[in-house]
Structures are given as C-alpha cells and as structure tokens.
Amino acid sequence: MRRPRGKASLRLALGLSALLIVFSLGAMALQYRATAAELERRERVLLTADLAGLAALYDQRRIIALRQAMEFRSVAAPETGMLYLLEGKDGAKLAGNIEAWPDGLTPTTGPIDATEPVTFMLDATGTPQAYIGVARELRGGFPMLVARSRAPTEDALAATRAQIFATAIVLIGLSLVAGWLASRFVMRRIDRLNKLADQVAAGDLSARLPGPRADDEFGALERHIHTMLDRIGHLTRAHGRLSDTIAHELRTPLNRIQGKLERLDGDPEAVAAVSSEIRGTVRIFDSLLEISSAEAASGGGTGLVPVSLSKITREVAELYEPLAEEKALEYGAVLQDPCMVLGDRNLIAQLLSNLVDNAIKFCREGDAITLSLEEGADRHVLNISDTGPGVPEEAREAVFERFARAERDREVAGHGLGLALVRAIATRHGAKLRVLDVKKGFSIEISWPKLPADMG
C-alpha cells in the first residue's frame, strides 16, 4: 500500500517552525524598535548636553563667548559629526563649520535647549546626511544652529537590520532542518505502526513489531496495540475452533443418519426428501469449514503461487456460459491479459464461481451479466455486474456476513454463505471487496494486489 511519506508530520513540523520563526522575528523586531528608540534618546541626550554648555556661556558672556565656543567646537566637528552656525543680524557668518543656513530651516525664538528639535538633510561632507538639531534666534536677532549628524545612528540601525536579516535566514534554515529531522524521526515511528497495520489489514493477526519498546508515548502505543492484537487473535482462534468443532462434530452424525436412511425401507419420496435436507445441511457445514480455513490462512503467503487472474477468470466465464445461454441472459467478459497475482488457483476459481453462479441464479431472462478485468496502477481490478434484481439497500451492509439473505430471497435455494466465502477468499489473497452503487442490479469490484516485481 502506498502511503504519503510524512506529509502530515512534515506540515506539523513546518508549521511549528514557521510559528517559531514568526515569534523570533517578532522578538527581533521589538528589539530593533527598542534599539532605535535608545539610539534616538542618546542623540537627544548628547544634543542637550552640547546645548546646555552653549547656553551657560551665552548667559555669562553673551554673543562673544558663544561665538568663541562655537569656533572652538567647529574644529572637532568632523569627528563628532556636529554642525554649528552663528550669524549676525545682517546674516553674515560669525562662527561655525557651515557657510549658509540650510534651505527650508527657519529659526524659532526660545531658550537654548533641545525642546522641539528638527530633522533636516544637508550635504556638509560631500554626501547628503540627516541631522537633528535646534535652530534659535537669540535676543538681538542672532540666528544660531546646533545640530548633530544622524549617520552613526542610521549606520548602527542598518547594521542591526543586516544582523536581523542574517539571523532570520539562519533561523529559517535551522528551523527547516530541525523540522525535517523531527518529521523523519516521527515518521520512522509512525511507519513502524503503519507497516504493522498493513499486515493486520491483510489478515496477519500474528504480526508484531520487532525490537524493544521505547519508554515514551510511541512505545506505550506499540505495547497497547500488541496487547489488543493478542486479545483479538485469542478471540479469533477461539471462534475458529468453535466453528470447526461444531462443523466436524455435526457433519459426522448427519452422514451416518443419511447412510442409515438409504438402507431403510419406507416411503421413497420421504426418504429422498430427508436425504436431500441432510445433504444440504452437510454442504452448509462444508462451506463453514471452507470459510474458516480461508480466514485462518489470511495474511500468510503459504500455498500462494504466481497465477494468471485473467486465465482463471476466462475459464470460469466459459464454464458458466452454457448456463447463461440456457436462461437467455446476455453474457460477456472483457478481460485484459495477463494480470498476474500471487494466489491459490482453486480458491480464486471458487470465488469467481460463487459470484457468477449467484448472478445467474438471481437474473431473469433478458438480464445481462458482465465480467471485466483490467490492470490498474497498483492493483488489478475485477468487476462482476448484472442487471438483475440487485441487493436491497437495507441488506447491503451485511451482504458478506454468514447466512445473510434478503427477505425476498428466502424462497431461492441457498444458505447465504456464498458471499461470506467470497470475502474470506479475497481476504486470504489481500484483495479488497467493494459493492458498487448502480442504478439497476448488483455490481461488485475486487481489487487484487499485483504480483510483486521480484516474482514476475
């Protein structure tokens, strides 16, 4: 049986990995915002400290001291990334490291502090840079600009973004690898259980998982499954033994009774009727023994050899062709060759005979019976359908049970064991039965496992 290889576990692992990545990226985004806020706060602190020193000098000695301080600080401006400019009332430069007032920037009145700073772009070093600063118009009409470059902050944030991106790539890669490894680990454990389930589904109730049980949830599950299979096997064997015992013990005295009846003198018709009833009862026991034997052998390959399902089906179809013609039925077979399977030739022929015989028995003049066999991708598909009365909907679920018969068919000869034997033989060969939903009649599909490649 082909199974999707770890799709569910892989989806779960990828989902958990994606969730971990989202949480990690969210945490890194919050960290980035916190870093950006801290760098901006430090910019403000440094700008405030610089302005506080200039304000103190201005309070003490006014423009002269302020001009000297700005000239002195302009010398170190390239290293500190500061901008200074002090202009006179006529707009002439008194001090600073830039020659003209930045475009679009207007000084405001107020104290020399970092309240209401402005951000602007200026090409002071040959490359446009962002600055944050304060533009004030001092008493007497002296414009003053003190600003700090935002390049260190932007460089630090760019480096942080690059680090976050690299970390995200690594994290995604590691998460995918971890998810894949976790999926492989889980799938190895699940595959063990799936293989066991396949063997049990094929009828091998003696199948067990090899090796010691791990002390985890999977190990506990394996132990529970083994315990369950032990119990099922015990009940199945007990049921089989009971059926065999009843069949054997009752068939023998019935045969003896029949032998004595044949030696008695009496009404020939009465003796014949009783003998016929006894023979029918013996046939029931024989069918029960055949069903039990087929069920007991289910799941094992003993006695199965490569056979042509096409050839067996063709022989059975030809065998029943005269009977179908006698009842004036439309009868035909469309069979694809060679359709090889691993099976028991006699049991397969018995399965086909039961199905064809049932179809002929219940069909009326003018009805059609069709046999088809074709090779599928994984299995050979055999279909036997007819346009007879079909099976009532309420009886479809129990159609393969022993002694199952529709109420309307009570007058038709039979004991309701034919389809039960069909199911037992199909199970013996690992074939799957399916009653198809058709508008008229009865149609059954049997999908047979292909012959293994190493046996072809």
Protein backbone atom coordinates (compact mmCIF):
# COMPACT_ATOMS: atom_id res chain seq x y z
CA MET A 1 0.00 0.00 0.00
CA ARG A 2 1.39 3.38 -0.98
CA ARG A 3 1.28 5.99 1.69
CA PRO A 4 2.05 9.72 1.65
CA ARG A 5 5.52 9.93 3.11
CA GLY A 6 5.25 12.09 6.18
CA LYS A 7 3.05 14.81 4.74
CA ALA A 8 1.11 15.38 7.95
CA SER A 9 4.15 15.28 10.23
CA LEU A 10 6.11 17.47 7.81
CA ARG A 11 3.28 20.00 7.72
CA LEU A 12 3.17 19.97 11.52
CA ALA A 13 6.95 20.39 11.77
CA LEU A 14 6.95 23.20 9.20
CA GLY A 15 4.01 24.83 10.94
CA LEU A 16 5.81 24.77 14.29
CA SER A 17 8.98 26.03 12.62
CA ALA A 18 7.06 28.84 10.96
CA LEU A 19 5.47 29.72 14.32
CA LEU A 20 8.90 29.77 15.97
CA ILE A 21 10.28 31.94 13.18
CA VAL A 22 7.37 34.39 13.45
CA PHE A 23 7.84 34.66 17.22
CA SER A 24 11.60 35.07 16.81
CA LEU A 25 11.22 37.72 14.12
CA GLY A 26 8.63 39.47 16.26
CA ALA A 27 11.04 39.47 19.19
CA MET A 28 13.83 40.80 16.96
CA ALA A 29 11.51 43.50 15.59
CA LEU A 30 10.69 44.61 19.12
CA GLN A 31 14.39 44.59 19.95
CA TYR A 32 15.09 46.65 16.84
CA ARG A 33 12.50 49.22 17.84
CA ALA A 34 13.92 49.35 21.35
CA THR A 35 17.44 49.84 19.93
CA ALA A 36 16.24 52.58 17.59
CA ALA A 37 14.46 54.34 20.45
CA GLU A 38 17.58 54.09 22.65
CA LEU A 39 19.85 55.47 19.91
CA GLU A 40 17.47 58.39 19.33
CA ARG A 41 17.36 59.04 23.07
CA ARG A 42 21.17 59.13 23.17
CA GLU A 43 21.15 61.60 20.25
CA ARG A 44 18.85 63.85 22.24
CA VAL A 45 20.98 63.48 25.37
CA LEU A 46 24.19 64.41 23.54
CA LEU A 47 22.50 67.31 21.76
CA THR A 48 21.03 68.50 25.05
CA ALA A 49 24.42 68.35 26.76
CA ASP A 50 26.06 70.35 23.97
CA LEU A 51 23.30 72.96 24.03
CA ALA A 52 23.47 73.22 27.82
CA GLY A 53 27.16 74.20 27.66
CA LEU A 54 26.50 76.82 24.97
CA ALA A 55 23.55 78.19 26.92
CA ALA A 56 25.69 78.61 30.04
CA LEU A 57 28.36 80.55 28.10
CA TYR A 58 25.70 82.71 26.45
CA ASP A 59 24.17 83.56 29.82
CA GLN A 60 27.58 84.60 31.16
CA ARG A 61 29.16 86.49 28.30
CA ARG A 62 26.56 86.66 25.54
CA ILE A 63 27.48 86.59 21.87
CA ILE A 64 31.25 86.94 22.33
CA ALA A 65 31.55 83.81 24.49
CA LEU A 66 29.06 81.90 22.34
CA ARG A 67 30.99 82.80 19.18
CA GLN A 68 34.32 81.67 20.69
CA ALA A 69 32.82 78.39 21.91
CA MET A 70 31.26 77.58 18.54
CA GLU A 71 34.54 78.34 16.74
CA PHE A 72 36.38 76.05 19.14
CA ARG A 73 33.86 73.26 18.78
CA SER A 74 33.77 73.57 14.99
CA VAL A 75 37.39 72.37 14.93
CA ALA A 76 36.34 68.99 16.39
CA ALA A 77 33.06 68.85 14.44
CA PRO A 78 34.26 66.37 11.75
CA GLU A 79 34.94 63.76 14.46
CA THR A 80 31.80 64.47 16.48
CA GLY A 81 29.50 64.92 13.48
CA MET A 82 28.23 68.29 14.82
CA LEU A 83 27.05 71.29 12.83
CA TYR A 84 27.47 74.83 14.20
CA LEU A 85 26.41 78.15 12.70
CA LEU A 86 26.06 81.59 14.28
CA GLU A 87 25.01 84.54 12.12
CA GLY A 88 24.83 88.24 12.76
CA LYS A 89 21.84 90.50 12.42
CA ASP A 90 22.74 91.11 8.79
CA GLY A 91 23.01 87.38 8.00
CA ALA A 92 26.81 87.33 7.95
CA LYS A 93 28.53 84.26 9.38
CA LEU A 94 30.05 84.89 12.82
CA ALA A 95 31.10 81.30 13.68
CA GLY A 96 30.53 77.71 12.67
CA ASN A 97 31.57 74.99 10.25
CA ILE A 98 28.98 75.61 7.51
CA GLU A 99 28.70 78.68 5.34
CA ALA A 100 24.97 79.13 4.95
CA TRP A 101 21.70 78.41 6.64
CA PRO A 102 20.12 75.11 5.43
CA ASP A 103 17.27 75.51 2.98
CA GLY A 104 13.82 75.28 4.45
CA LEU A 105 15.00 75.68 8.03
CA THR A 106 13.65 78.66 10.00
CA PRO A 107 14.96 79.64 13.44
CA THR A 108 12.50 79.99 16.28
CA THR A 109 12.67 82.08 19.40
CA GLY A 110 13.19 80.42 22.75
CA PRO A 111 15.84 79.23 25.18
CA ILE A 112 18.94 77.37 24.05
CA ASP A 113 17.78 73.80 24.77
CA ALA A 114 16.71 70.64 22.94
CA THR A 115 12.98 71.24 23.01
CA GLU A 116 11.25 70.83 19.66
CA PRO A 117 14.30 69.62 17.69
CA VAL A 118 14.07 69.49 13.89
CA THR A 119 15.37 66.92 11.42
CA PHE A 120 16.76 68.01 8.07
CA MET A 121 19.04 66.88 5.25
CA LEU A 122 22.31 68.68 4.44
CA ASP A 123 25.29 67.96 2.18
CA ALA A 124 28.03 69.15 4.52
CA THR A 125 30.66 66.48 3.77
CA GLY A 126 30.02 65.69 0.11
CA THR A 127 27.30 63.16 0.96
CA PRO A 128 23.73 64.12 1.94
CA GLN A 129 23.16 63.27 5.59
CA ALA A 130 20.32 63.57 8.04
CA TYR A 131 20.76 65.83 11.04
CA ILE A 132 18.78 66.52 14.18
CA GLY A 133 19.22 69.91 15.75
CA VAL A 134 17.88 73.16 17.17
CA ALA A 135 17.55 76.46 15.29
CA ARG A 136 17.09 79.51 17.53
CA GLU A 137 17.02 83.26 17.05
CA LEU A 138 18.80 84.78 20.04
CA ARG A 139 17.98 88.12 21.58
CA GLY A 140 19.12 90.89 19.33
CA GLY A 141 18.37 88.90 16.13
CA PHE A 142 21.29 86.47 16.06
CA PRO A 143 20.32 83.15 14.29
CA MET A 144 22.02 80.10 15.78
CA LEU A 145 22.04 76.45 14.58
CA VAL A 146 23.38 73.49 16.55
CA ALA A 147 22.79 70.04 15.01
CA ARG A 148 24.08 66.51 15.32
CA SER A 149 24.54 64.03 12.46
CA ARG A 150 22.22 61.03 12.48
CA ALA A 151 24.69 58.98 10.41
CA PRO A 152 26.05 56.99 13.41
CA THR A 153 22.52 56.11 14.46
CA GLU A 154 21.46 55.17 10.93
CA ASP A 155 24.64 53.13 10.45
CA ALA A 156 24.00 51.30 13.70
CA LEU A 157 20.37 50.64 12.73
CA ALA A 158 21.43 49.45 9.26
CA ALA A 159 23.95 47.07 10.86
CA THR A 160 21.21 45.87 13.22
CA ARG A 161 18.84 45.27 10.30
CA ALA A 162 21.52 43.34 8.43
CA GLN A 163 22.18 41.26 11.53
CA ILE A 164 18.47 40.59 11.98
CA PHE A 165 18.17 39.57 8.32
CA ALA A 166 21.17 37.25 8.56
CA THR A 167 19.84 35.81 11.81
CA ALA A 168 16.43 35.29 10.20
CA ILE A 169 17.99 33.42 7.26
CA VAL A 170 20.00 31.21 9.59
CA LEU A 171 16.98 30.70 11.84
CA ILE A 172 14.78 29.72 8.90
CA GLY A 173 17.41 27.30 7.65
CA LEU A 174 17.91 25.74 11.08
CA SER A 175 14.15 25.55 11.66
CA LEU A 176 13.60 23.79 8.34
CA VAL A 177 16.39 21.33 9.06
CA ALA A 178 15.11 20.76 12.59
CA GLY A 179 11.56 20.34 11.25
CA TRP A 180 12.73 17.88 8.62
CA LEU A 181 14.72 15.87 11.20
CA ALA A 182 11.77 15.89 13.59
CA SER A 183 9.48 14.76 10.77
CA ARG A 184 11.87 11.96 9.85
CA PHE A 185 12.07 10.85 13.48
CA VAL A 186 8.31 10.87 13.91
CA MET A 187 7.72 9.19 10.54
CA ARG A 188 10.10 6.36 11.37
CA ARG A 189 8.00 5.62 14.44
CA ILE A 190 4.73 6.01 12.56
CA ASP A 191 5.96 3.87 9.66
CA ARG A 192 6.53 1.02 12.10
CA LEU A 193 2.91 1.24 13.18
CA ASN A 194 1.68 1.62 9.57
CA LYS A 195 3.57 -1.50 8.47
CA LEU A 196 2.03 -3.43 11.33
CA ALA A 197 -1.42 -2.06 10.44
CA ASP A 198 -0.93 -3.12 6.79
CA GLN A 199 -0.02 -6.65 7.86
CA VAL A 200 -3.03 -6.87 10.17
CA ALA A 201 -5.32 -5.40 7.48
CA ALA A 202 -4.05 -8.14 5.14
CA GLY A 203 -5.21 -10.69 7.73
CA ASP A 204 -1.96 -11.49 9.55
CA LEU A 205 -3.05 -11.19 13.17
CA SER A 206 0.24 -12.74 14.30
CA ALA A 207 2.25 -9.74 13.02
CA ARG A 208 4.20 -7.88 15.70
CA LEU A 209 6.69 -5.02 15.77
CA PRO A 210 10.28 -6.20 16.20
CA GLY A 211 12.77 -4.79 18.69
CA PRO A 212 12.42 -3.42 22.22
CA ARG A 213 9.76 -0.87 23.09
CA ALA A 214 10.95 2.69 23.73
CA ASP A 215 9.97 4.26 27.05
CA ASP A 216 7.85 7.02 25.50
CA GLU A 217 4.38 7.63 24.07
CA PHE A 218 5.14 5.65 20.91
CA GLY A 219 6.43 2.75 22.96
CA ALA A 220 3.28 2.78 25.08
CA LEU A 221 1.16 2.86 21.91
CA GLU A 222 3.04 -0.13 20.49
CA ARG A 223 2.51 -2.06 23.71
CA HIS A 224 -1.21 -1.27 23.67
CA ILE A 225 -1.50 -2.37 20.03
CA HIS A 226 0.31 -5.64 20.77
CA THR A 227 -1.98 -6.31 23.72
CA MET A 228 -5.01 -5.57 21.55
CA LEU A 229 -3.77 -7.87 18.78
CA ASP A 230 -3.09 -10.63 21.31
CA ARG A 231 -6.67 -10.34 22.53
CA ILE A 232 -8.12 -10.24 19.02
CA GLY A 233 -6.01 -13.23 17.99
CA HIS A 234 -7.17 -15.19 21.02
CA LEU A 235 -10.84 -14.44 20.31
CA THR A 236 -10.43 -15.22 16.60
CA ARG A 237 -8.78 -18.55 17.31
CA ALA A 238 -11.45 -19.41 19.85
CA HIS A 239 -14.17 -18.52 17.36
CA GLY A 240 -12.49 -20.55 14.62
CA ARG A 241 -12.04 -23.56 16.88
CA LEU A 242 -15.69 -23.39 17.90
CA SER A 243 -16.88 -23.20 14.27
CA ASP A 244 -14.61 -26.06 13.21
CA THR A 245 -15.65 -28.20 16.15
CA ILE A 246 -19.36 -27.66 15.53
CA ALA A 247 -18.99 -28.35 11.82
CA HIS A 248 -16.93 -31.50 12.33
CA GLU A 249 -18.99 -32.88 15.19
CA LEU A 250 -22.34 -32.36 13.46
CA ARG A 251 -21.32 -33.38 9.95
CA THR A 252 -20.27 -36.86 11.04
CA PRO A 253 -23.58 -37.92 12.67
CA LEU A 254 -25.52 -36.39 9.79
CA ASN A 255 -23.57 -38.50 7.32
CA ARG A 256 -24.33 -41.56 9.45
CA ILE A 257 -28.02 -40.71 9.53
CA GLN A 258 -28.03 -40.29 5.78
CA GLY A 259 -26.37 -43.67 5.34
CA LYS A 260 -28.98 -45.36 7.55
CA LEU A 261 -31.83 -43.62 5.73
CA GLU A 262 -30.65 -45.02 2.43
CA ARG A 263 -30.81 -48.54 3.88
CA LEU A 264 -34.31 -48.14 5.33
CA ASP A 265 -37.40 -49.44 3.61
CA GLY A 266 -40.19 -46.94 3.51
CA ASP A 267 -41.70 -44.16 1.52
CA PRO A 268 -39.05 -43.45 -1.18
CA GLU A 269 -40.15 -39.84 -1.59
CA ALA A 270 -39.96 -39.14 2.14
CA VAL A 271 -36.56 -40.80 2.40
CA ALA A 272 -35.30 -38.81 -0.61
CA ALA A 273 -36.60 -35.56 0.87
CA VAL A 274 -34.93 -36.21 4.22
CA SER A 275 -31.71 -37.25 2.48
CA SER A 276 -31.76 -34.06 0.42
CA GLU A 277 -32.18 -31.95 3.56
CA ILE A 278 -29.30 -33.76 5.24
CA ARG A 279 -27.05 -33.31 2.20
CA GLY A 280 -27.90 -29.59 2.18
CA THR A 281 -27.01 -29.35 5.86
CA VAL A 282 -23.72 -31.14 5.26
CA ARG A 283 -22.95 -28.68 2.45
CA ILE A 284 -23.56 -25.84 4.90
CA PHE A 285 -21.01 -27.33 7.27
CA ASP A 286 -18.59 -27.85 4.39
CA SER A 287 -18.97 -24.19 3.42
CA LEU A 288 -18.42 -23.10 7.01
CA LEU A 289 -15.26 -25.16 7.17
CA GLU A 290 -14.04 -23.66 3.89
CA ILE A 291 -14.71 -20.14 5.20
CA SER A 292 -12.91 -20.89 8.47
CA SER A 293 -9.99 -22.41 6.59
CA ALA A 294 -9.68 -19.39 4.29
CA GLU A 295 -9.94 -16.96 7.20
CA ALA A 296 -7.36 -18.89 9.22
CA ALA A 297 -4.89 -18.68 6.33
CA SER A 298 -5.43 -14.95 5.77
CA GLY A 299 -2.29 -12.86 5.86
CA GLY A 300 0.07 -15.72 5.18
CA GLY A 301 1.76 -16.43 1.88
CA THR A 302 1.87 -20.20 2.36
CA GLY A 303 0.33 -22.04 -0.58
CA LEU A 304 0.15 -18.97 -2.80
CA VAL A 305 1.95 -19.05 -6.13
CA PRO A 306 2.04 -16.76 -9.19
CA VAL A 307 -1.11 -17.36 -11.26
CA SER A 308 -2.84 -15.58 -14.14
CA LEU A 309 -6.03 -14.00 -12.86
CA SER A 310 -7.03 -13.38 -16.48
CA LYS A 311 -6.77 -17.07 -17.39
CA ILE A 312 -8.72 -18.25 -14.33
CA THR A 313 -11.46 -15.68 -14.92
CA ARG A 314 -11.72 -16.66 -18.60
CA GLU A 315 -12.03 -20.36 -17.71
CA VAL A 316 -14.77 -19.72 -15.14
CA ALA A 317 -16.60 -17.41 -17.56
CA GLU A 318 -16.53 -20.09 -20.27
CA LEU A 319 -17.66 -22.73 -17.76
CA TYR A 320 -20.87 -20.82 -16.94
CA GLU A 321 -21.58 -19.61 -20.48
CA PRO A 322 -23.91 -22.53 -21.39
CA LEU A 323 -25.93 -21.99 -18.20
CA ALA A 324 -26.29 -18.28 -19.01
CA GLU A 325 -27.43 -19.12 -22.56
CA GLU A 326 -29.94 -21.61 -21.18
CA LYS A 327 -31.55 -18.80 -19.15
CA ALA A 328 -31.42 -16.43 -22.16
CA LEU A 329 -29.09 -13.99 -20.44
CA GLU A 330 -26.77 -11.52 -22.13
CA TYR A 331 -23.39 -12.78 -21.03
CA GLY A 332 -19.90 -11.43 -21.81
CA ALA A 333 -16.39 -10.93 -20.49
CA VAL A 334 -13.81 -8.22 -21.25
CA LEU A 335 -10.51 -9.38 -19.80
CA GLN A 336 -7.08 -7.77 -20.01
CA ASP A 337 -4.01 -10.05 -20.03
CA PRO A 338 -2.01 -11.25 -18.22
CA CYS A 339 -2.89 -9.71 -14.80
CA MET A 340 -0.65 -11.93 -12.69
CA VAL A 341 -1.32 -12.29 -8.95
CA LEU A 342 0.01 -14.32 -6.05
CA GLY A 343 -2.77 -16.73 -5.21
CA ASP A 344 -4.35 -20.16 -4.90
CA ARG A 345 -5.83 -21.16 -8.25
CA ASN A 346 -8.62 -23.30 -6.78
CA LEU A 347 -9.71 -20.68 -4.25
CA ILE A 348 -9.78 -17.92 -6.87
CA ALA A 349 -11.84 -20.15 -9.17
CA GLN A 350 -14.23 -20.87 -6.28
CA LEU A 351 -14.59 -17.12 -5.57
CA LEU A 352 -15.40 -16.40 -9.22
CA SER A 353 -17.77 -19.39 -9.45
CA ASN A 354 -19.73 -18.20 -6.42
CA LEU A 355 -20.15 -14.72 -7.85
CA VAL A 356 -21.09 -15.82 -11.38
CA ASP A 357 -23.39 -18.56 -10.06
CA ASN A 358 -25.16 -16.02 -7.83
CA ALA A 359 -25.60 -13.62 -10.74
CA ILE A 360 -27.07 -16.34 -12.99
CA LYS A 361 -29.29 -17.65 -10.19
CA PHE A 362 -30.94 -14.29 -9.48
CA CYS A 363 -31.08 -12.87 -13.00
CA ARG A 364 -34.11 -13.34 -15.23
CA GLU A 365 -34.45 -13.77 -18.96
CA GLY A 366 -33.09 -10.74 -20.82
CA ASP A 367 -30.84 -9.58 -17.98
CA ALA A 368 -27.15 -9.02 -18.62
CA ILE A 369 -24.05 -10.30 -16.80
CA THR A 370 -20.67 -8.75 -17.48
CA LEU A 371 -17.20 -9.71 -16.26
CA SER A 372 -14.33 -7.25 -16.70
CA LEU A 373 -10.69 -7.33 -15.64
CA GLU A 374 -8.18 -4.55 -16.17
CA GLU A 375 -4.73 -3.66 -14.89
CA GLY A 376 -4.62 -0.60 -12.64
CA ALA A 377 -1.73 1.44 -11.31
CA ASP A 378 -1.33 -0.59 -8.11
CA ARG A 379 -3.90 -3.37 -8.40
CA HIS A 380 -5.79 -5.50 -10.90
CA VAL A 381 -9.49 -4.54 -10.84
CA LEU A 382 -12.06 -7.31 -11.41
CA ASN A 383 -15.70 -6.36 -11.79
CA ILE A 384 -18.71 -8.67 -11.97
CA SER A 385 -22.02 -6.91 -12.56
CA ASP A 386 -25.52 -7.85 -13.57
CA THR A 387 -28.84 -6.13 -14.27
CA GLY A 388 -30.84 -8.45 -12.07
CA PRO A 389 -32.90 -7.51 -9.00
CA GLY A 390 -29.78 -6.47 -7.06
CA VAL A 391 -29.48 -6.30 -3.29
CA PRO A 392 -31.93 -4.23 -1.22
CA GLU A 393 -30.29 -1.15 0.26
CA GLU A 394 -31.02 -2.23 3.83
CA ALA A 395 -29.18 -5.53 3.25
CA ARG A 396 -26.02 -4.16 1.60
CA GLU A 397 -24.06 -3.66 4.81
CA ALA A 398 -24.49 -7.32 5.80
CA VAL A 399 -24.19 -8.83 2.33
CA PHE A 400 -20.85 -10.53 3.15
CA GLU A 401 -21.93 -11.87 6.54
CA ARG A 402 -22.60 -15.56 7.03
CA PHE A 403 -26.23 -16.61 6.45
CA ALA A 404 -27.08 -13.08 5.30
CA ARG A 405 -30.04 -13.17 2.89
CA ALA A 406 -32.58 -10.61 1.82
CA GLU A 407 -36.14 -11.32 2.97
CA ARG A 408 -37.36 -11.52 -0.63
CA ASP A 409 -34.81 -14.26 -1.46
CA ARG A 410 -35.95 -16.73 1.19
CA GLU A 411 -37.67 -18.87 -1.47
CA VAL A 412 -34.50 -19.10 -3.60
CA ALA A 413 -32.28 -22.09 -2.88
CA GLY A 414 -29.22 -21.24 -0.86
CA HIS A 415 -27.95 -20.57 2.65
CA GLY A 416 -26.32 -17.12 2.44
CA LEU A 417 -22.75 -18.43 2.68
CA GLY A 418 -21.55 -17.75 -0.87
CA LEU A 419 -20.54 -14.12 -0.41
CA ALA A 420 -19.12 -14.86 3.05
CA LEU A 421 -16.81 -17.37 1.37
CA VAL A 422 -16.01 -14.81 -1.34
CA ARG A 423 -14.92 -12.34 1.34
CA ALA A 424 -12.83 -14.95 3.15
CA ILE A 425 -11.03 -15.94 -0.08
CA ALA A 426 -10.49 -12.29 -1.04
CA THR A 427 -9.03 -11.58 2.39
CA ARG A 428 -6.80 -14.63 2.03
CA HIS A 429 -5.32 -13.02 -1.10
CA GLY A 430 -5.15 -9.45 0.23
CA ALA A 431 -7.88 -8.38 -2.23
CA LYS A 432 -10.40 -5.64 -1.44
CA LEU A 433 -14.14 -6.02 -2.00
CA ARG A 434 -16.44 -3.14 -2.81
CA VAL A 435 -20.14 -3.23 -3.70
CA LEU A 436 -20.68 -0.50 -6.29
CA ASP A 437 -23.68 1.79 -6.28
CA VAL A 438 -25.53 1.06 -9.55
CA LYS A 439 -28.98 2.09 -10.75
CA LYS A 440 -30.03 -1.48 -11.51
CA GLY A 441 -28.73 -4.86 -10.50
CA PHE A 442 -25.67 -5.80 -8.49
CA SER A 443 -22.04 -4.90 -9.13
CA ILE A 444 -19.06 -5.99 -7.09
CA GLU A 445 -15.47 -4.81 -7.56
CA ILE A 446 -12.47 -6.80 -6.36
CA SER A 447 -9.05 -5.17 -6.47
CA TRP A 448 -6.20 -7.69 -6.39
CA PRO A 449 -2.60 -6.89 -5.36
CA LYS A 450 -0.26 -7.10 -8.31
CA LEU A 451 2.35 -9.84 -8.40
CA PRO A 452 5.50 -8.49 -6.66
CA ALA A 453 8.13 -7.32 -9.14
CA ASP A 454 10.74 -9.72 -7.77
CA MET A 455 8.39 -12.65 -8.56
CA GLY A 456 7.39 -11.52 -12.06
